[in-house]
C-alpha atoms as a PDB file:
ATOM      1  CA  MET A   1       0.039   0.004  -0.009  1.00  0.00           C
ATOM      2  CA  LEU A   2       1.249   3.496  -0.850  1.00  0.00           C
ATOM      3  CA  PRO A   3       1.822   5.771   2.031  1.00  0.00           C
ATOM      4  CA  LYS A   4      -0.329   8.891   2.092  1.00  0.00           C
ATOM      5  CA  THR A   5       1.531  12.118   1.680  1.00  0.00           C
ATOM      6  CA  PRO A   6      -0.070  15.449   2.585  1.00  0.00           C
ATOM      7  CA  LYS A   7      -0.985  17.733  -0.258  1.00  0.00           C
ATOM      8  CA  PRO A   8       1.190  20.784  -0.647  1.00  0.00           C
ATOM      9  CA  ALA A   9      -0.126  23.967   0.879  1.00  0.00           C
ATOM     10  CA  ILE A  10      -0.237  25.636  -2.557  1.00  0.00           C
ATOM     11  CA  TRP A  11      -3.071  23.353  -3.688  1.00  0.00           C
ATOM     12  CA  ARG A  12      -5.217  24.299  -0.701  1.00  0.00           C
ATOM     13  CA  PHE A  13      -4.516  27.961  -1.500  1.00  0.00           C
ATOM     14  CA  ILE A  14      -5.497  27.481  -5.113  1.00  0.00           C
ATOM     15  CA  LYS A  15      -8.735  25.669  -4.230  1.00  0.00           C
ATOM     16  CA  GLY A  16      -9.709  28.291  -1.626  1.00  0.00           C
ATOM     17  CA  SER A  17      -8.916  31.097  -4.072  1.00  0.00           C
ATOM     18  CA  ALA A  18     -10.953  29.449  -6.817  1.00  0.00           C
ATOM     19  CA  LYS A  19     -13.979  29.093  -4.478  1.00  0.00           C
ATOM     20  CA  THR A  20     -13.626  32.705  -3.351  1.00  0.00           C
ATOM     21  CA  LEU A  21     -13.345  33.908  -6.915  1.00  0.00           C
ATOM     22  CA  PHE A  22     -16.450  31.910  -7.955  1.00  0.00           C
ATOM     23  CA  VAL A  23     -18.509  33.375  -5.086  1.00  0.00           C
ATOM     24  CA  LEU A  24     -17.281  36.873  -5.830  1.00  0.00           C
ATOM     25  CA  GLU A  25     -18.143  36.497  -9.536  1.00  0.00           C
ATOM     26  CA  ALA A  26     -21.634  35.235  -8.670  1.00  0.00           C
ATOM     27  CA  VAL A  27     -22.274  38.204  -6.349  1.00  0.00           C
ATOM     28  CA  CYS A  28     -21.008  40.691  -8.977  1.00  0.00           C
ATOM     29  CA  PHE A  29     -23.256  39.091 -11.657  1.00  0.00           C
ATOM     30  CA  ALA A  30     -26.307  39.253  -9.332  1.00  0.00           C
ATOM     31  CA  ALA A  31     -25.574  42.921  -8.491  1.00  0.00           C
ATOM     32  CA  SER A  32     -25.138  43.883 -12.161  1.00  0.00           C
ATOM     33  CA  TYR A  33     -28.296  42.076 -13.111  1.00  0.00           C
ATOM     34  CA  GLY A  34     -30.235  43.824 -10.316  1.00  0.00           C
ATOM     35  CA  LEU A  35     -28.921  47.197 -11.492  1.00  0.00           C
ATOM     36  CA  TYR A  36     -29.804  46.424 -15.114  1.00  0.00           C
ATOM     37  CA  TYR A  37     -33.312  45.253 -14.133  1.00  0.00           C
ATOM     38  CA  ARG A  38     -33.927  48.370 -12.076  1.00  0.00           C
ATOM     39  CA  MET A  39     -32.732  50.613 -14.943  1.00  0.00           C
ATOM     40  CA  ASN A  40     -34.849  48.664 -17.375  1.00  0.00           C
ATOM     41  CA  THR A  41     -38.059  49.062 -15.366  1.00  0.00           C
ATOM     42  CA  ASP A  42     -37.782  52.365 -13.493  1.00  0.00           C
ATOM     43  CA  GLN A  43     -37.615  55.590 -15.505  1.00  0.00           C
ATOM     44  CA  ASP A  44     -37.048  57.725 -12.383  1.00  0.00           C
ATOM     45  CA  PHE A  45     -34.003  55.626 -11.553  1.00  0.00           C
ATOM     46  CA  ARG A  46     -32.640  56.148 -15.051  1.00  0.00           C
ATOM     47  CA  ARG A  47     -32.990  59.850 -14.525  1.00  0.00           C
ATOM     48  CA  TYR A  48     -31.102  59.621 -11.194  1.00  0.00           C
ATOM     49  CA  ILE A  49     -28.359  57.651 -12.974  1.00  0.00           C
ATOM     50  CA  ASN A  50     -28.294  60.263 -15.748  1.00  0.00           C
ATOM     51  CA  GLU A  51     -27.723  63.029 -13.162  1.00  0.00           C
ATOM     52  CA  LYS A  52     -25.096  61.161 -11.102  1.00  0.00           C
ATOM     53  CA  TYR A  53     -23.417  58.735 -13.555  1.00  0.00           C
ATOM     54  CA  PRO A  54     -24.177  59.723 -17.194  1.00  0.00           C
ATOM     55  CA  PHE A  55     -21.555  57.351 -18.560  1.00  0.00           C
ATOM     56  CA  ALA A  56     -23.434  54.409 -17.062  1.00  0.00           C
ATOM     57  CA  LEU A  57     -26.654  55.426 -18.676  1.00  0.00           C
ATOM     58  CA  GLU A  58     -24.901  55.855 -22.006  1.00  0.00           C
ATOM     59  CA  TYR A  59     -23.667  52.226 -21.727  1.00  0.00           C
ATOM     60  CA  TYR A  60     -27.169  51.097 -20.892  1.00  0.00           C
ATOM     61  CA  TYR A  61     -28.564  52.858 -23.996  1.00  0.00           C
ATOM     62  CA  LYS A  62     -25.802  51.390 -26.204  1.00  0.00           C
ATOM     63  CA  ILE A  63     -26.553  47.854 -24.976  1.00  0.00           C
ATOM     64  CA  GLY A  64     -30.277  48.491 -25.650  1.00  0.00           C
ATOM     65  CA  GLU A  65     -29.509  49.606 -29.147  1.00  0.00           C
ATOM     66  CA  ILE A  66     -27.383  46.563 -29.827  1.00  0.00           C
ATOM     67  CA  VAL A  67     -30.022  44.219 -28.481  1.00  0.00           C
ATOM     68  CA  GLY A  68     -32.749  45.982 -30.448  1.00  0.00           C
ATOM     69  CA  ASP A  69     -34.721  48.290 -28.129  1.00  0.00           C
ATOM     70  CA  SER A  70     -33.549  51.631 -29.504  1.00  0.00           C
ATOM     71  CA  LYS A  71     -36.622  53.652 -28.439  1.00  0.00           C
ATOM     72  CA  VAL A  72     -35.777  53.935 -24.734  1.00  0.00           C
ATOM     73  CA  ARG A  73     -33.363  56.887 -25.262  1.00  0.00           C
ATOM     74  CA  ASP A  74     -35.955  58.851 -27.160  1.00  0.00           C
ATOM     75  CA  ILE A  75     -38.789  58.022 -24.759  1.00  0.00           C
ATOM     76  CA  ASP A  76     -36.662  59.121 -21.814  1.00  0.00           C
ATOM     77  CA  ALA A  77     -35.656  62.363 -23.508  1.00  0.00           C
ATOM     78  CA  ASN A  78     -39.257  63.229 -24.429  1.00  0.00           C
ATOM     79  CA  TYR A  79     -40.553  62.394 -20.898  1.00  0.00           C
ATOM     80  CA  TRP A  80     -37.862  64.389 -19.106  1.00  0.00           C
ATOM     81  CA  SER A  81     -38.237  67.431 -21.358  1.00  0.00           C
ATOM     82  CA  SER A  82     -41.999  67.409 -20.921  1.00  0.00           C
ATOM     83  CA  ALA A  83     -41.678  66.969 -17.160  1.00  0.00           C
ATOM     84  CA  THR A  84     -39.227  69.881 -17.048  1.00  0.00           C
ATOM     85  CA  ALA A  85     -41.611  71.996 -19.109  1.00  0.00           C
ATOM     86  CA  GLN A  86     -44.522  71.208 -16.800  1.00  0.00           C
ATOM     87  CA  PHE A  87     -42.363  71.979 -13.729  1.00  0.00           C
ATOM     88  CA  GLN A  88     -41.393  75.373 -15.205  1.00  0.00           C
ATOM     89  CA  LYS A  89     -45.065  76.216 -15.931  1.00  0.00           C
ATOM     90  CA  LYS A  90     -46.044  75.591 -12.291  1.00  0.00           C
ATOM     91  CA  GLU A  91     -43.531  78.136 -11.070  1.00  0.00           C
END
């Protein structure tokens, strides 16, 4: 019978790192999907993103144009301009 030898510590480190990387990747994927879902369903959130992080909204619009829904940018622009005009009329 062959004597059992302990595995080198590097293999334990690699396995632990791989598990950590997998969990981290799953968490990042879930967070990015949640952000995309919220941007896709909530126009007020898109406006907030436009005010704080316009580059992120631009990427969202580009992805939408590639996938095929190119009307979102126009709908948002029309809605925001009409909402601004209505707000200015009230004052």
